[in-house]
C-alpha cells in the first residue's frame, strides 16, 4: 500500500512538472536576435542597430515576408501647445535597441526610440511586446513621453507587414464586420473608434 501511494505521488509530481514545462514562456537574446516564444507563438526581432521584426510564427508557420516586416512599426501624430502638429516615425529618432523583462507568467520585449519633439530634451517612445505562458497571441503596447502641454491625437500601432496568400480577403470591423477584396496595394485600414472601426481588429483569410 505504501509503495502504491508513493507511486501515485510520483506520478502526480511528474504530471505537475510536465504541465509547468509545457506552459512556459521564453524570452532570450541569442545569435543576434531577441526571441519571445511559448507553445503557441514565436516572435523573432533583430538585436542590431536597426529595428526589424523578423519572424512571427503561429502553429509553426511564419506569417511575415521572407525579409521580415520592414515597414515602420509605429506612427504618432502630436499636437503642441501652439498648434504644432508633427507626425513622427521611428526613422526620425535614435533607436536605442531592445531589452527583456520577465515575470512569473509572462515575458516582455521592450524597444525604445529617443525622439526630438521640440527644442528640449529627447522623449522616448517604447513598444512593449508581451507574451503570456498560455497566450495564443502577443500583447502589443506603446508608450510615449511628451513635453508638458503636448498630446498625441492619432496613432498607428502596431504596423506589421504580413504575407498575403493568393486570393486572400480582409475583414474589418465596419458595423458588424465587412469583408473586402485586398487590391494590388495590399492595404486596408479603418479608424478606431468610429463606425468604420468599432474595435481594434483586422483579419485576413482565404
N, C-alpha and C. Protein backbone atom coordinates (compact mmCIF):
# COMPACT_ATOMS: atom_id res chain seq x y z
N UNK A 1 0.83 -1.20 0.00
CA UNK A 1 0.00 0.00 0.00
C UNK A 1 0.87 1.26 0.00
N UNK A 2 1.93 1.20 0.82
CA UNK A 2 2.81 2.36 0.90
C UNK A 2 3.50 2.59 -0.44
N UNK A 3 3.93 1.49 -1.09
CA UNK A 3 4.57 1.63 -2.40
C UNK A 3 3.59 2.21 -3.42
N UNK A 4 2.31 1.79 -3.33
CA UNK A 4 1.31 2.29 -4.26
C UNK A 4 1.11 3.80 -4.07
N UNK A 5 1.04 4.24 -2.79
CA UNK A 5 0.87 5.67 -2.51
C UNK A 5 2.07 6.46 -3.02
N UNK A 6 3.26 5.91 -2.79
CA UNK A 6 4.47 6.58 -3.27
C UNK A 6 4.45 6.71 -4.78
N UNK A 7 3.99 5.63 -5.45
CA UNK A 7 3.91 5.66 -6.90
C UNK A 7 2.93 6.70 -7.40
N UNK A 8 1.77 6.81 -6.74
CA UNK A 8 0.78 7.81 -7.14
C UNK A 8 1.32 9.21 -6.96
N UNK A 9 1.98 9.46 -5.83
CA UNK A 9 2.57 10.78 -5.57
C UNK A 9 3.61 11.11 -6.64
N UNK A 10 4.42 10.11 -7.01
CA UNK A 10 5.45 10.33 -8.03
C UNK A 10 4.81 10.69 -9.36
N UNK A 11 3.73 10.00 -9.72
CA UNK A 11 3.04 10.30 -10.98
C UNK A 11 2.46 11.70 -10.96
N UNK A 12 1.83 12.09 -9.83
CA UNK A 12 1.26 13.43 -9.73
C UNK A 12 2.34 14.49 -9.85
N UNK A 13 3.48 14.27 -9.20
CA UNK A 13 4.60 15.22 -9.28
C UNK A 13 5.09 15.33 -10.72
N UNK A 14 5.17 14.21 -11.43
CA UNK A 14 5.64 14.21 -12.80
C UNK A 14 4.68 14.99 -13.69
N UNK A 15 3.37 14.77 -13.49
CA UNK A 15 2.39 15.47 -14.30
C UNK A 15 2.41 16.96 -14.03
N UNK A 16 2.58 17.32 -12.77
CA UNK A 16 2.63 18.73 -12.41
C UNK A 16 3.85 19.39 -13.04
N UNK A 17 5.00 18.75 -12.96
CA UNK A 17 6.22 19.31 -13.55
C UNK A 17 6.09 19.39 -15.07
N UNK A 18 5.53 18.34 -15.68
CA UNK A 18 5.36 18.33 -17.12
C UNK A 18 4.44 19.46 -17.56
N UNK A 19 3.36 19.69 -16.82
CA UNK A 19 2.44 20.76 -17.15
C UNK A 19 3.10 22.13 -17.05
N UNK A 20 3.93 22.30 -16.05
CA UNK A 20 4.62 23.57 -15.88
C UNK A 20 5.58 23.82 -17.03
N UNK A 21 6.29 22.80 -17.46
CA UNK A 21 7.24 22.96 -18.54
C UNK A 21 6.54 23.24 -19.86
N UNK A 22 5.42 22.58 -20.11
CA UNK A 22 4.74 22.74 -21.39
C UNK A 22 4.03 24.09 -21.48
N UNK A 23 3.71 24.71 -20.35
CA UNK A 23 3.02 26.00 -20.34
C UNK A 23 3.97 27.08 -19.86
N UNK A 24 5.08 27.24 -20.55
CA UNK A 24 6.07 28.23 -20.17
C UNK A 24 6.26 29.22 -21.30
N UNK A 25 6.86 30.35 -20.97
CA UNK A 25 7.19 31.36 -21.97
C UNK A 25 8.68 31.67 -21.85
N UNK A 26 9.33 31.83 -23.00
CA UNK A 26 10.77 32.04 -23.04
C UNK A 26 11.07 33.37 -23.73
N UNK A 27 11.96 34.15 -23.14
CA UNK A 27 12.47 35.36 -23.77
C UNK A 27 13.99 35.34 -23.63
N UNK A 28 14.68 35.42 -24.75
CA UNK A 28 16.14 35.33 -24.70
C UNK A 28 16.77 36.13 -25.83
N UNK A 29 18.03 36.41 -25.63
CA UNK A 29 18.85 37.11 -26.62
C UNK A 29 19.90 36.12 -27.10
N UNK A 30 19.76 35.64 -28.33
CA UNK A 30 20.68 34.65 -28.85
C UNK A 30 20.90 34.84 -30.34
N UNK A 31 22.13 34.60 -30.77
CA UNK A 31 22.51 34.64 -32.19
C UNK A 31 22.08 35.94 -32.87
N UNK A 32 22.22 37.04 -32.15
CA UNK A 32 21.89 38.34 -32.73
C UNK A 32 20.41 38.63 -32.83
N UNK A 33 19.59 37.86 -32.11
CA UNK A 33 18.14 38.05 -32.15
C UNK A 33 17.54 38.04 -30.75
N UNK A 34 16.41 38.77 -30.60
CA UNK A 34 15.56 38.61 -29.44
C UNK A 34 14.47 37.60 -29.81
N UNK A 35 14.30 36.57 -29.00
CA UNK A 35 13.31 35.53 -29.27
C UNK A 35 12.32 35.49 -28.11
N UNK A 36 11.04 35.57 -28.46
CA UNK A 36 9.95 35.51 -27.48
C UNK A 36 9.01 34.39 -27.92
N UNK A 37 8.83 33.36 -27.08
CA UNK A 37 8.03 32.22 -27.54
C UNK A 37 7.38 31.48 -26.39
N UNK A 38 6.26 30.85 -26.71
CA UNK A 38 5.63 29.86 -25.84
C UNK A 38 5.20 28.70 -26.73
N UNK A 39 4.30 27.85 -26.26
CA UNK A 39 3.92 26.67 -27.03
C UNK A 39 3.09 27.02 -28.26
N UNK A 40 2.54 28.25 -28.32
CA UNK A 40 1.65 28.64 -29.42
C UNK A 40 2.28 29.58 -30.42
N UNK A 41 3.16 30.45 -29.95
CA UNK A 41 3.64 31.56 -30.77
C UNK A 41 5.15 31.73 -30.59
N UNK A 42 5.81 32.16 -31.66
CA UNK A 42 7.22 32.52 -31.57
C UNK A 42 7.45 33.81 -32.37
N UNK A 43 8.09 34.79 -31.71
CA UNK A 43 8.41 36.06 -32.35
C UNK A 43 9.92 36.26 -32.30
N UNK A 44 10.48 36.73 -33.41
CA UNK A 44 11.93 36.96 -33.50
C UNK A 44 12.16 38.38 -34.00
N UNK A 45 12.96 39.13 -33.23
CA UNK A 45 13.33 40.50 -33.59
C UNK A 45 14.86 40.59 -33.68
N UNK A 46 15.35 41.38 -34.61
CA UNK A 46 16.79 41.57 -34.73
C UNK A 46 17.31 42.35 -33.53
N UNK A 47 18.45 41.95 -33.03
CA UNK A 47 19.14 42.71 -31.99
C UNK A 47 20.32 43.42 -32.64
N UNK A 48 20.02 44.53 -33.29
CA UNK A 48 21.05 45.25 -34.04
C UNK A 48 20.86 46.74 -33.94
N UNK A 49 21.46 47.46 -34.88
CA UNK A 49 21.39 48.91 -34.87
C UNK A 49 20.05 49.43 -35.38
N UNK A 50 19.31 48.58 -36.09
CA UNK A 50 18.01 48.96 -36.60
C UNK A 50 16.96 47.96 -36.14
N UNK A 51 15.74 48.45 -35.95
CA UNK A 51 14.64 47.58 -35.54
C UNK A 51 14.18 46.75 -36.73
N UNK A 52 13.97 45.45 -36.51
CA UNK A 52 13.42 44.59 -37.55
C UNK A 52 12.66 43.44 -36.90
N UNK A 53 11.40 43.31 -37.27
CA UNK A 53 10.56 42.19 -36.84
C UNK A 53 10.77 41.10 -37.88
N UNK A 54 11.51 40.05 -37.51
CA UNK A 54 11.99 39.07 -38.48
C UNK A 54 11.04 37.90 -38.71
N UNK A 55 10.44 37.37 -37.63
CA UNK A 55 9.58 36.21 -37.76
C UNK A 55 8.42 36.30 -36.77
N UNK A 56 7.28 35.81 -37.22
CA UNK A 56 6.09 35.72 -36.38
C UNK A 56 5.45 34.38 -36.70
N UNK A 57 5.72 33.38 -35.86
CA UNK A 57 5.28 32.02 -36.14
C UNK A 57 4.08 31.65 -35.26
N UNK A 58 3.05 31.14 -35.92
CA UNK A 58 1.88 30.58 -35.24
C UNK A 58 1.64 29.20 -35.82
N UNK A 59 1.55 28.21 -34.93
CA UNK A 59 1.42 26.82 -35.36
C UNK A 59 2.56 26.43 -36.30
N UNK A 60 3.75 26.99 -36.04
CA UNK A 60 4.94 26.65 -36.82
C UNK A 60 5.06 27.38 -38.14
N UNK A 61 4.08 28.20 -38.53
CA UNK A 61 4.10 28.89 -39.82
C UNK A 61 4.45 30.37 -39.63
N UNK A 62 5.45 30.85 -40.36
CA UNK A 62 5.84 32.25 -40.31
C UNK A 62 4.93 33.07 -41.21
N UNK A 63 4.22 34.05 -40.63
CA UNK A 63 3.27 34.84 -41.41
C UNK A 63 3.90 36.13 -41.96
N UNK A 64 5.18 36.37 -41.67
CA UNK A 64 5.85 37.57 -42.18
C UNK A 64 6.55 37.27 -43.50
N UNK A 65 6.84 38.31 -44.29
CA UNK A 65 7.61 38.10 -45.52
C UNK A 65 9.00 37.53 -45.22
N UNK A 66 9.67 37.05 -46.26
CA UNK A 66 10.97 36.40 -46.10
C UNK A 66 11.96 37.32 -45.40
N UNK A 67 11.95 38.60 -45.74
CA UNK A 67 12.88 39.56 -45.15
C UNK A 67 12.34 40.23 -43.90
N UNK A 68 11.24 39.73 -43.37
CA UNK A 68 10.66 40.31 -42.17
C UNK A 68 9.72 41.47 -42.51
N UNK A 69 9.13 42.04 -41.46
CA UNK A 69 8.24 43.19 -41.61
C UNK A 69 9.10 44.46 -41.62
N UNK A 70 9.34 45.01 -42.81
CA UNK A 70 10.26 46.14 -42.94
C UNK A 70 9.55 47.49 -42.83
N UNK A 71 8.22 47.50 -42.72
CA UNK A 71 7.51 48.75 -42.54
C UNK A 71 7.78 49.32 -41.14
N UNK A 72 7.64 50.64 -40.98
CA UNK A 72 7.89 51.23 -39.67
C UNK A 72 6.81 50.75 -38.70
N UNK A 73 7.18 50.35 -37.48
CA UNK A 73 6.24 49.69 -36.58
C UNK A 73 5.24 50.63 -35.92
N UNK A 74 5.49 51.93 -35.95
CA UNK A 74 4.55 52.87 -35.34
C UNK A 74 4.62 54.23 -36.03
N UNK A 75 3.55 54.99 -35.86
CA UNK A 75 3.48 56.36 -36.36
C UNK A 75 2.57 57.15 -35.44
N UNK A 76 3.05 58.28 -34.94
CA UNK A 76 2.31 59.08 -33.97
C UNK A 76 2.16 60.51 -34.47
N UNK A 77 0.96 61.07 -34.28
CA UNK A 77 0.71 62.47 -34.60
C UNK A 77 0.53 63.23 -33.29
N UNK A 78 1.34 64.25 -33.08
CA UNK A 78 1.33 65.04 -31.85
C UNK A 78 0.64 66.38 -32.10
N UNK A 79 0.22 67.02 -31.00
CA UNK A 79 -0.26 68.40 -31.06
C UNK A 79 0.37 69.16 -29.92
N UNK A 80 1.03 70.25 -30.26
CA UNK A 80 1.72 71.06 -29.25
C UNK A 80 0.87 72.20 -28.73
N UNK A 81 1.36 72.91 -27.73
CA UNK A 81 0.57 74.00 -27.10
C UNK A 81 0.34 75.17 -28.02
N UNK A 82 1.13 75.30 -29.09
CA UNK A 82 0.97 76.40 -30.04
C UNK A 82 0.39 75.93 -31.38
N UNK A 83 -0.24 74.75 -31.35
CA UNK A 83 -0.86 74.24 -32.57
C UNK A 83 0.06 73.43 -33.45
N UNK A 84 1.29 73.16 -32.99
CA UNK A 84 2.19 72.33 -33.77
C UNK A 84 1.55 70.96 -34.00
N UNK A 85 1.81 70.35 -35.14
CA UNK A 85 1.12 69.10 -35.47
C UNK A 85 2.08 68.13 -36.19
N UNK A 86 3.20 67.78 -35.56
CA UNK A 86 4.16 66.92 -36.25
C UNK A 86 3.73 65.45 -36.27
N UNK A 87 4.09 64.76 -37.34
CA UNK A 87 3.93 63.31 -37.45
C UNK A 87 5.31 62.68 -37.29
N UNK A 88 5.46 61.83 -36.29
CA UNK A 88 6.76 61.23 -36.02
C UNK A 88 6.74 59.74 -36.30
N UNK A 89 7.85 59.27 -36.87
CA UNK A 89 8.06 57.86 -37.16
C UNK A 89 9.44 57.47 -36.66
N UNK A 90 9.71 56.18 -36.51
CA UNK A 90 10.99 55.76 -35.93
C UNK A 90 12.22 56.29 -36.65
N UNK A 91 12.16 56.43 -37.96
CA UNK A 91 13.37 56.83 -38.70
C UNK A 91 13.82 58.25 -38.39
N UNK A 92 12.97 59.03 -37.73
CA UNK A 92 13.34 60.39 -37.36
C UNK A 92 13.86 60.48 -35.93
N UNK A 93 14.06 59.34 -35.30
CA UNK A 93 14.61 59.31 -33.95
C UNK A 93 15.85 58.44 -33.88
N UNK A 94 16.34 58.25 -32.68
CA UNK A 94 17.51 57.39 -32.45
C UNK A 94 17.05 56.09 -31.79
N UNK A 95 17.28 54.99 -32.49
CA UNK A 95 16.89 53.69 -31.96
C UNK A 95 17.89 53.24 -30.90
N UNK A 96 17.39 52.88 -29.72
CA UNK A 96 18.24 52.52 -28.59
C UNK A 96 18.29 51.02 -28.34
N UNK A 97 17.61 50.24 -29.18
CA UNK A 97 17.69 48.79 -29.02
C UNK A 97 16.60 48.22 -28.13
N UNK A 98 16.76 46.95 -27.77
CA UNK A 98 15.74 46.25 -27.00
C UNK A 98 16.26 45.72 -25.69
N UNK A 99 15.32 45.33 -24.84
CA UNK A 99 15.66 44.71 -23.56
C UNK A 99 14.56 43.72 -23.19
N UNK A 100 14.84 42.87 -22.23
CA UNK A 100 13.91 41.82 -21.82
C UNK A 100 13.48 42.04 -20.38
N UNK A 101 12.17 41.92 -20.14
CA UNK A 101 11.64 41.91 -18.78
C UNK A 101 10.84 40.63 -18.60
N UNK A 102 10.98 40.02 -17.42
CA UNK A 102 10.30 38.76 -17.16
C UNK A 102 9.52 38.84 -15.85
N UNK A 103 8.35 38.20 -15.85
CA UNK A 103 7.59 37.97 -14.64
C UNK A 103 7.32 36.47 -14.55
N UNK A 104 6.58 36.08 -13.54
CA UNK A 104 6.32 34.65 -13.35
C UNK A 104 5.50 34.06 -14.49
N UNK A 105 4.56 34.83 -15.02
CA UNK A 105 3.62 34.29 -16.01
C UNK A 105 3.78 34.86 -17.40
N UNK A 106 4.70 35.80 -17.60
CA UNK A 106 4.83 36.43 -18.92
C UNK A 106 6.23 37.00 -19.09
N UNK A 107 6.59 37.24 -20.34
CA UNK A 107 7.86 37.91 -20.66
C UNK A 107 7.56 39.03 -21.66
N UNK A 108 8.35 40.10 -21.58
CA UNK A 108 8.12 41.28 -22.40
C UNK A 108 9.43 41.72 -23.06
N UNK A 109 9.34 42.05 -24.35
CA UNK A 109 10.43 42.70 -25.06
C UNK A 109 10.09 44.18 -25.19
N UNK A 110 11.06 45.04 -24.85
CA UNK A 110 10.85 46.49 -24.88
C UNK A 110 11.85 47.10 -25.86
N UNK A 111 11.35 47.85 -26.84
CA UNK A 111 12.19 48.52 -27.83
C UNK A 111 11.97 50.02 -27.71
N UNK A 112 13.06 50.79 -27.73
CA UNK A 112 12.99 52.21 -27.40
C UNK A 112 13.62 53.07 -28.49
N UNK A 113 12.94 54.20 -28.78
CA UNK A 113 13.46 55.24 -29.66
C UNK A 113 13.47 56.55 -28.89
N UNK A 114 14.52 57.35 -29.05
CA UNK A 114 14.56 58.69 -28.49
C UNK A 114 14.18 59.68 -29.59
N UNK A 115 13.12 60.45 -29.33
CA UNK A 115 12.57 61.34 -30.34
C UNK A 115 12.75 62.80 -29.93
N UNK A 116 12.98 63.66 -30.92
CA UNK A 116 13.04 65.10 -30.70
C UNK A 116 11.68 65.68 -31.08
N UNK A 117 11.00 66.27 -30.09
CA UNK A 117 9.67 66.83 -30.34
C UNK A 117 9.73 68.36 -30.40
N UNK A 118 10.43 68.97 -29.47
CA UNK A 118 10.64 70.41 -29.53
C UNK A 118 12.12 70.67 -29.25
N UNK A 119 12.46 71.86 -28.81
CA UNK A 119 13.85 72.19 -28.60
C UNK A 119 14.41 71.62 -27.30
N UNK A 120 13.57 70.96 -26.52
CA UNK A 120 14.01 70.43 -25.24
C UNK A 120 14.66 69.07 -25.35
N UNK A 121 14.77 68.36 -24.23
CA UNK A 121 15.37 67.02 -24.22
C UNK A 121 14.57 66.04 -25.08
N UNK A 122 15.23 64.98 -25.51
CA UNK A 122 14.55 63.95 -26.29
C UNK A 122 13.52 63.22 -25.42
N UNK A 123 12.50 62.70 -26.07
CA UNK A 123 11.42 61.99 -25.38
C UNK A 123 11.34 60.56 -25.92
N UNK A 124 11.35 59.56 -25.05
CA UNK A 124 11.34 58.18 -25.53
C UNK A 124 9.96 57.73 -26.00
N UNK A 125 9.98 56.89 -27.03
CA UNK A 125 8.81 56.11 -27.45
C UNK A 125 9.20 54.65 -27.31
N UNK A 126 8.37 53.89 -26.64
CA UNK A 126 8.67 52.48 -26.39
C UNK A 126 7.53 51.62 -26.92
N UNK A 127 7.90 50.49 -27.52
CA UNK A 127 6.89 49.48 -27.81
C UNK A 127 7.20 48.27 -26.94
N UNK A 128 6.16 47.70 -26.40
CA UNK A 128 6.27 46.56 -25.48
C UNK A 128 5.49 45.39 -26.06
N UNK A 129 6.17 44.28 -26.25
CA UNK A 129 5.55 43.07 -26.79
C UNK A 129 5.57 42.02 -25.68
N UNK A 130 4.40 41.68 -25.18
CA UNK A 130 4.28 40.76 -24.04
C UNK A 130 3.64 39.46 -24.49
N UNK A 131 4.20 38.36 -23.99
CA UNK A 131 3.64 37.04 -24.28
C UNK A 131 3.47 36.28 -22.98
N UNK A 132 2.24 35.89 -22.69
CA UNK A 132 1.97 35.07 -21.52
C UNK A 132 2.24 33.61 -21.80
N UNK A 133 2.37 32.83 -20.74
CA UNK A 133 2.76 31.43 -20.92
C UNK A 133 1.68 30.62 -21.64
N UNK A 134 0.41 31.02 -21.55
CA UNK A 134 -0.67 30.31 -22.22
C UNK A 134 -1.28 31.11 -23.37
N UNK A 135 -0.70 32.27 -23.68
CA UNK A 135 -1.31 33.16 -24.67
C UNK A 135 -1.23 32.58 -26.08
N UNK A 136 -2.26 32.81 -26.86
CA UNK A 136 -2.26 32.41 -28.26
C UNK A 136 -1.75 33.52 -29.15
N UNK A 137 -1.73 34.75 -28.65
CA UNK A 137 -1.23 35.90 -29.40
C UNK A 137 -0.48 36.83 -28.45
N UNK A 138 0.50 37.57 -28.95
CA UNK A 138 1.19 38.54 -28.09
C UNK A 138 0.34 39.78 -27.87
N UNK A 139 0.65 40.49 -26.79
CA UNK A 139 0.00 41.77 -26.49
C UNK A 139 0.98 42.89 -26.87
N UNK A 140 0.50 43.84 -27.67
CA UNK A 140 1.33 44.97 -28.12
C UNK A 140 0.88 46.25 -27.42
N UNK A 141 1.83 46.99 -26.87
CA UNK A 141 1.53 48.27 -26.24
C UNK A 141 2.56 49.31 -26.70
N UNK A 142 2.16 50.56 -26.66
CA UNK A 142 3.08 51.64 -26.99
C UNK A 142 3.02 52.69 -25.89
N UNK A 143 4.18 53.22 -25.53
CA UNK A 143 4.31 54.29 -24.54
C UNK A 143 5.08 55.44 -25.16
N UNK A 144 4.62 56.65 -24.92
CA UNK A 144 5.30 57.83 -25.47
C UNK A 144 5.33 58.93 -24.41
N UNK A 145 6.53 59.39 -24.08
CA UNK A 145 6.67 60.53 -23.17
C UNK A 145 6.69 61.82 -24.00
N UNK A 146 6.11 62.88 -23.43
CA UNK A 146 5.97 64.14 -24.16
C UNK A 146 6.30 65.32 -23.27
N UNK A 147 6.71 66.44 -23.88
CA UNK A 147 6.89 67.66 -23.09
C UNK A 147 5.56 68.14 -22.53
N UNK A 148 5.62 68.96 -21.53
CA UNK A 148 4.39 69.50 -20.92
C UNK A 148 3.59 70.28 -21.96
N UNK A 149 2.29 70.03 -21.99
CA UNK A 149 1.42 70.75 -22.91
C UNK A 149 1.21 70.04 -24.24
N UNK A 150 1.91 68.92 -24.47
CA UNK A 150 1.77 68.19 -25.72
C UNK A 150 0.84 66.99 -25.51
N UNK A 151 0.13 66.61 -26.58
CA UNK A 151 -0.72 65.42 -26.55
C UNK A 151 -0.53 64.66 -27.85
N UNK A 152 -0.96 63.39 -27.85
CA UNK A 152 -0.99 62.59 -29.07
C UNK A 152 -2.43 62.53 -29.56
N UNK A 153 -2.66 62.91 -30.81
CA UNK A 153 -4.01 62.94 -31.35
C UNK A 153 -4.32 61.72 -32.21
N UNK A 154 -3.30 61.01 -32.69
CA UNK A 154 -3.56 59.85 -33.54
C UNK A 154 -2.35 58.92 -33.49
N UNK A 155 -2.62 57.63 -33.52
CA UNK A 155 -1.53 56.65 -33.54
C UNK A 155 -1.84 55.53 -34.51
N UNK A 156 -0.82 55.03 -35.16
CA UNK A 156 -0.90 53.83 -35.97
C UNK A 156 0.06 52.82 -35.35
N UNK A 157 -0.50 51.79 -34.73
CA UNK A 157 0.32 50.83 -33.99
C UNK A 157 -0.52 49.61 -33.65
N UNK A 158 0.05 48.41 -33.74
CA UNK A 158 1.33 48.12 -34.40
C UNK A 158 1.16 48.05 -35.91
N UNK A 159 2.15 48.44 -36.64
CA UNK A 159 2.15 48.36 -38.10
C UNK A 159 3.03 47.18 -38.48
N UNK A 160 2.42 46.13 -39.02
CA UNK A 160 3.13 44.89 -39.32
C UNK A 160 2.77 44.45 -40.74
N UNK A 161 3.76 44.21 -41.56
CA UNK A 161 3.54 43.68 -42.91
C UNK A 161 3.55 42.16 -42.83
N UNK A 162 2.51 41.52 -43.36
CA UNK A 162 2.40 40.06 -43.32
C UNK A 162 2.29 39.52 -44.74
N UNK A 163 2.55 38.22 -44.89
CA UNK A 163 2.35 37.56 -46.17
C UNK A 163 0.88 37.59 -46.56
N UNK A 164 0.62 37.80 -47.85
CA UNK A 164 -0.75 37.78 -48.33
C UNK A 164 -0.94 36.59 -49.26
N UNK A 165 -1.63 35.55 -48.81
CA UNK A 165 -1.88 34.41 -49.69
C UNK A 165 -2.69 34.82 -50.92
N UNK A 166 -2.49 34.15 -52.02
CA UNK A 166 -3.22 34.46 -53.24
C UNK A 166 -4.72 34.30 -53.00
N UNK A 167 -5.48 35.31 -53.40
CA UNK A 167 -6.92 35.27 -53.23
C UNK A 167 -7.39 35.63 -51.84
N UNK A 168 -6.49 36.11 -50.98
CA UNK A 168 -6.88 36.42 -49.61
C UNK A 168 -7.84 37.61 -49.56
N UNK A 169 -8.72 37.61 -48.57
CA UNK A 169 -9.64 38.71 -48.34
C UNK A 169 -9.48 39.21 -46.92
N UNK A 170 -9.80 40.48 -46.74
CA UNK A 170 -9.67 41.09 -45.42
C UNK A 170 -11.03 41.35 -44.79
N UNK A 171 -11.07 41.30 -43.48
CA UNK A 171 -12.28 41.62 -42.72
C UNK A 171 -11.95 42.75 -41.75
N UNK A 172 -12.72 43.84 -41.85
CA UNK A 172 -12.56 44.98 -40.96
C UNK A 172 -13.82 45.15 -40.12
N UNK A 173 -13.68 45.73 -38.92
CA UNK A 173 -14.85 45.88 -38.03
C UNK A 173 -15.72 47.06 -38.42
N UNK A 174 -16.21 47.05 -39.66
CA UNK A 174 -17.17 48.06 -40.12
C UNK A 174 -18.56 47.55 -39.80
N UNK A 175 -19.26 48.23 -38.90
CA UNK A 175 -20.54 47.72 -38.43
C UNK A 175 -20.33 46.42 -37.68
N UNK A 176 -20.97 45.36 -38.16
CA UNK A 176 -20.81 44.04 -37.54
C UNK A 176 -19.71 43.22 -38.21
N UNK A 177 -18.95 43.85 -39.10
CA UNK A 177 -17.87 43.17 -39.82
C UNK A 177 -18.14 43.13 -41.30
N UNK A 178 -17.16 43.55 -42.11
CA UNK A 178 -17.31 43.60 -43.57
C UNK A 178 -16.09 42.99 -44.23
N UNK A 179 -16.34 42.16 -45.26
CA UNK A 179 -15.26 41.51 -45.98
C UNK A 179 -14.89 42.33 -47.21
N UNK A 180 -13.57 42.46 -47.44
CA UNK A 180 -13.07 43.24 -48.56
C UNK A 180 -12.08 42.41 -49.38
N UNK A 181 -12.08 42.64 -50.68
CA UNK A 181 -11.03 42.10 -51.53
C UNK A 181 -9.79 42.97 -51.37
N UNK A 182 -8.65 42.35 -51.15
CA UNK A 182 -7.40 43.10 -50.99
C UNK A 182 -6.81 43.37 -52.36
N UNK A 183 -6.66 44.65 -52.70
CA UNK A 183 -6.17 45.04 -54.01
C UNK A 183 -4.68 44.85 -54.17
N UNK A 184 -4.16 45.36 -55.28
CA UNK A 184 -2.73 45.19 -55.57
C UNK A 184 -1.85 45.88 -54.55
N UNK A 185 -2.33 46.98 -53.99
CA UNK A 185 -1.54 47.68 -52.98
C UNK A 185 -1.46 46.89 -51.69
N UNK A 186 -2.46 46.03 -51.46
CA UNK A 186 -2.43 45.17 -50.28
C UNK A 186 -2.63 45.91 -48.98
N UNK A 187 -3.39 47.03 -49.01
CA UNK A 187 -3.61 47.80 -47.79
C UNK A 187 -5.10 47.98 -47.52
N UNK A 188 -5.48 47.75 -46.27
CA UNK A 188 -6.81 48.06 -45.78
C UNK A 188 -6.65 48.81 -44.47
N UNK A 189 -7.52 49.77 -44.20
CA UNK A 189 -7.40 50.49 -42.94
C UNK A 189 -8.76 50.98 -42.49
N UNK A 190 -8.89 51.16 -41.19
CA UNK A 190 -10.08 51.74 -40.61
C UNK A 190 -9.65 52.59 -39.42
N UNK A 191 -10.48 53.56 -39.07
CA UNK A 191 -10.16 54.45 -37.96
C UNK A 191 -10.94 54.04 -36.72
N UNK A 192 -10.23 53.86 -35.61
CA UNK A 192 -10.87 53.48 -34.34
C UNK A 192 -10.72 54.62 -33.35
N UNK A 193 -11.74 54.97 -32.57
CA UNK A 193 -13.12 54.46 -32.65
C UNK A 193 -13.94 55.24 -33.66
N UNK A 194 -14.72 54.53 -34.47
CA UNK A 194 -15.62 55.16 -35.43
C UNK A 194 -16.58 54.08 -35.93
N UNK A 195 -17.54 54.48 -36.78
CA UNK A 195 -18.47 53.50 -37.33
C UNK A 195 -17.77 52.55 -38.29
N UNK A 196 -16.60 52.95 -38.81
CA UNK A 196 -15.84 52.06 -39.70
C UNK A 196 -14.78 51.28 -38.94
N UNK A 197 -14.70 51.50 -37.65
CA UNK A 197 -13.75 50.76 -36.81
C UNK A 197 -14.31 50.62 -35.42
N UNK A 198 -15.22 49.66 -35.23
CA UNK A 198 -15.90 49.52 -33.94
C UNK A 198 -15.04 48.83 -32.90
N UNK A 199 -13.93 48.22 -33.33
CA UNK A 199 -12.97 47.63 -32.40
C UNK A 199 -11.61 47.59 -33.08
N UNK A 200 -10.57 47.37 -32.30
CA UNK A 200 -9.21 47.31 -32.85
C UNK A 200 -8.96 45.89 -33.35
N UNK A 201 -9.37 45.64 -34.61
CA UNK A 201 -9.33 44.28 -35.14
C UNK A 201 -9.19 44.34 -36.65
N UNK A 202 -8.37 43.44 -37.20
CA UNK A 202 -8.32 43.21 -38.63
C UNK A 202 -7.99 41.74 -38.85
N UNK A 203 -8.68 41.12 -39.81
CA UNK A 203 -8.48 39.69 -40.10
C UNK A 203 -8.19 39.52 -41.58
N UNK A 204 -7.47 38.46 -41.93
CA UNK A 204 -7.23 38.10 -43.31
C UNK A 204 -7.44 36.61 -43.46
N UNK A 205 -8.16 36.20 -44.53
CA UNK A 205 -8.43 34.78 -44.72
C UNK A 205 -8.51 34.48 -46.20
N UNK A 206 -8.42 33.23 -46.57
CA UNK A 206 -8.55 32.81 -47.95
C UNK A 206 -9.96 32.37 -48.24
